[in-house]
């Protein structure tokens, strides 16, 4: 990797603009009256505050392998967190 942690943090912060959080909120709202269990990744990786998003997995690697795909380790951790917080229900 040729990017510093600070460069990675800045790239993540730039990607999380207001348009995405607004769209995420709209999706969650529209699906409240349905049987669809919408899982906001912002809620899972950002702890309900987009300024506190996790940019690295527990092993210290960036969670994204490109502009929009989680690494294998990050995928495992995001699913585990969604399950442990009750956002992902498998019933």
Protein backbone atom coordinates (compact mmCIF):
# COMPACT_ATOMS: atom_id res chain seq x y z
CA UNK A 1 0.00 0.00 0.00
CA UNK A 2 1.29 3.39 -0.92
CA UNK A 3 -1.18 5.49 1.09
CA UNK A 4 -0.81 6.63 4.65
CA UNK A 5 -3.53 6.12 7.26
CA UNK A 6 -4.28 9.83 7.00
CA UNK A 7 -4.76 9.55 3.20
CA UNK A 8 -7.11 6.62 3.69
CA UNK A 9 -9.08 8.49 6.38
CA UNK A 10 -9.42 11.51 4.07
CA UNK A 11 -10.62 9.35 1.16
CA UNK A 12 -13.27 7.69 3.34
CA UNK A 13 -14.45 11.00 4.75
CA UNK A 14 -14.74 12.45 1.25
CA UNK A 15 -16.78 9.45 0.09
CA UNK A 16 -19.27 9.84 2.95
CA UNK A 17 -20.97 12.98 1.76
CA UNK A 18 -24.41 14.28 2.75
CA UNK A 19 -26.06 12.88 -0.40
CA UNK A 20 -25.27 9.33 0.65
CA UNK A 21 -26.45 9.75 4.21
CA UNK A 22 -29.62 11.44 2.97
CA UNK A 23 -30.31 8.58 0.55
CA UNK A 24 -29.65 6.07 3.32
CA UNK A 25 -32.17 7.83 5.59
CA UNK A 26 -34.74 7.91 2.78
CA UNK A 27 -34.34 4.17 2.17
CA UNK A 28 -34.72 3.39 5.85
CA UNK A 29 -37.82 5.58 6.12
CA UNK A 30 -39.50 4.17 3.00
CA UNK A 31 -39.06 0.62 4.22
CA UNK A 32 -40.36 1.11 7.78
CA UNK A 33 -43.86 -0.02 6.82
CA UNK A 34 -42.68 -3.13 4.98
CA UNK A 35 -41.34 -6.52 5.97
CA UNK A 36 -37.93 -5.54 4.58
CA UNK A 37 -35.22 -5.35 7.23
CA UNK A 38 -33.11 -2.47 5.90
CA UNK A 39 -29.62 -2.45 7.36
CA UNK A 40 -27.84 0.86 7.13
CA UNK A 41 -24.13 0.32 6.78
CA UNK A 42 -23.68 3.81 8.17
CA UNK A 43 -25.31 2.61 11.40
CA UNK A 44 -23.08 -0.45 11.50
CA UNK A 45 -19.70 1.07 10.69
CA UNK A 46 -20.28 4.65 11.83
CA UNK A 47 -21.93 4.19 15.23
CA UNK A 48 -24.81 6.51 14.17
CA UNK A 49 -22.42 9.40 13.50
CA UNK A 50 -20.82 9.59 10.04
CA UNK A 51 -17.90 11.49 11.49
CA UNK A 52 -16.97 8.39 13.52
CA UNK A 53 -16.91 5.77 10.75
CA UNK A 54 -14.45 2.93 11.04
CA UNK A 55 -11.96 3.06 8.19
CA UNK A 56 -9.89 0.10 9.29
CA UNK A 57 -10.70 -3.44 10.39
CA UNK A 58 -9.58 -4.91 13.71
CA UNK A 59 -6.31 -6.01 12.10
CA UNK A 60 -5.52 -2.46 11.02
CA UNK A 61 -6.21 -2.86 7.29
CA UNK A 62 -8.49 -0.51 5.30
CA UNK A 63 -12.04 -1.86 5.18
CA UNK A 64 -12.43 -1.12 1.48
CA UNK A 65 -10.42 -2.78 -1.29
CA UNK A 66 -11.56 -0.16 -3.82
CA UNK A 67 -14.08 2.67 -3.77
CA UNK A 68 -17.04 0.54 -2.71
CA UNK A 69 -16.18 -3.06 -1.81
CA UNK A 70 -15.35 -4.34 1.65
CA UNK A 71 -12.31 -6.50 2.18
CA UNK A 72 -12.91 -10.09 3.25
CA UNK A 73 -12.01 -9.32 6.87
CA UNK A 74 -14.15 -6.17 6.95
CA UNK A 75 -17.10 -8.12 5.51
CA UNK A 76 -16.81 -10.68 8.30
CA UNK A 77 -16.60 -7.94 10.94
CA UNK A 78 -19.50 -5.89 9.52
CA UNK A 79 -21.80 -8.93 9.42
CA UNK A 80 -20.77 -9.95 12.95
CA UNK A 81 -21.44 -6.43 14.25
CA UNK A 82 -24.79 -6.24 12.44
CA UNK A 83 -25.77 -9.56 14.05
CA UNK A 84 -24.52 -8.66 17.54
CA UNK A 85 -26.35 -5.32 17.54
CA UNK A 86 -29.62 -6.89 16.38
CA UNK A 87 -29.63 -5.19 13.00
CA UNK A 88 -29.22 -8.48 11.12
CA UNK A 89 -31.86 -10.95 12.12
CA UNK A 90 -31.73 -14.44 10.72
CA UNK A 91 -35.21 -15.57 11.70
